[in-house]
Protein backbone atom coordinates (compact mmCIF):
# COMPACT_ATOMS: atom_id res chain seq x y z
CA MET A 1 -5.52 -42.31 6.49
CA LYS A 2 -7.36 -39.22 5.00
CA ASN A 3 -8.02 -37.94 8.62
CA ILE A 4 -4.42 -38.45 9.72
CA ILE A 5 -3.06 -36.36 6.77
CA ALA A 6 -5.67 -33.68 7.31
CA GLY A 7 -4.75 -33.52 11.04
CA VAL A 8 -1.06 -33.35 10.22
CA ILE A 9 -1.80 -30.38 7.73
CA ALA A 10 -4.00 -28.61 10.26
CA LEU A 11 -1.19 -28.87 12.90
CA VAL A 12 1.41 -27.57 10.46
CA ILE A 13 -0.78 -24.62 9.47
CA GLY A 14 -1.57 -24.05 13.16
CA PHE A 15 2.16 -23.96 14.11
CA PHE A 16 2.83 -21.42 11.37
CA ALA A 17 -0.06 -19.34 12.41
CA LEU A 18 0.92 -19.35 16.01
CA THR A 19 4.67 -18.74 15.12
CA PHE A 20 3.54 -15.72 12.92
CA ALA A 21 1.38 -14.24 15.66
CA THR A 22 4.10 -14.49 18.19
CA VAL A 23 6.74 -12.88 15.93
CA MET A 24 4.37 -10.05 15.12
CA GLY A 25 3.35 -9.62 18.80
CA LEU A 26 6.88 -9.35 19.91
CA THR A 27 7.80 -6.99 17.13
CA MET A 28 4.94 -4.71 17.89
CA ALA A 29 5.79 -4.65 21.64
CA LEU A 30 9.50 -3.82 20.95
CA VAL A 31 8.35 -0.94 18.66
CA ALA A 32 6.00 0.27 21.31
CA LEU A 33 8.80 0.27 24.00
CA ILE A 34 11.07 2.16 21.60
CA ALA A 35 8.50 4.77 20.81
CA GLN A 36 7.15 5.31 24.30
CA PRO A 37 9.66 8.10 25.30
CA PHE A 38 9.17 9.82 22.16
CA LEU A 39 5.37 9.81 22.34
CA LYS A 40 5.43 10.94 26.15
CA ARG A 41 7.65 13.85 25.32
CA LYS A 42 5.34 14.81 22.33
CA LEU A 43 2.21 14.57 24.54
CA ALA A 44 3.65 16.53 27.27
CA LYS A 45 4.55 19.34 24.94
CA GLN A 46 1.18 19.40 23.48
CA TYR A 47 -0.43 19.29 26.98
CA ALA A 48 1.76 22.27 28.08
CA THR A 49 1.04 24.09 24.94
CA PHE A 50 -2.75 23.66 25.26
CA TYR A 51 -3.01 24.71 28.87
CA ALA A 52 -0.57 27.66 28.29
CA GLY A 53 -2.96 29.19 25.68
CA ASN A 54 -6.12 28.15 27.55
CA PRO A 55 -5.97 29.21 31.18
CA GLU A 56 -9.49 28.32 32.00
CA ALA A 57 -8.93 24.69 31.01
CA SER A 58 -6.29 24.24 33.76
CA SER A 59 -8.48 25.57 36.55
CA GLY A 60 -11.04 22.85 35.99
CA GLN A 61 -13.58 25.20 34.65
CA GLY A 62 -14.78 23.50 31.31
CA ARG A 63 -16.38 25.28 28.58
CA VAL A 64 -19.76 24.07 27.09
CA ILE A 65 -19.80 23.89 23.41
CA GLU A 66 -23.52 23.30 23.00
CA GLY A 67 -26.40 23.40 25.33
CA GLU A 68 -26.58 24.70 28.91
CA TYR A 69 -24.50 23.79 31.70
CA GLU A 70 -26.31 23.00 35.08
CA PRO A 71 -24.51 21.61 37.97
CA VAL A 72 -25.35 18.20 39.17
CA GLN A 73 -25.45 19.19 42.76
CA ASN A 74 -28.50 21.47 42.16
CA HIS A 75 -30.79 18.46 41.37
CA LYS A 76 -32.76 16.94 44.41
């Protein structure tokens, strides 16, 4: 009898946990779908601003902050 009651309690708690996880997941997915166009616009603006002020970054020529740059093709 004790095991049956414990099993029913476990099933009820599991059901509530699963329901909570589903509701939270659907809520987060909905928020992500709503926020996506705003984030894309903001990132595109930052991307354009960065490359407008840093012409060498758009040409594929990166800057080395520390150390020395040595092309990989020179290694044999």
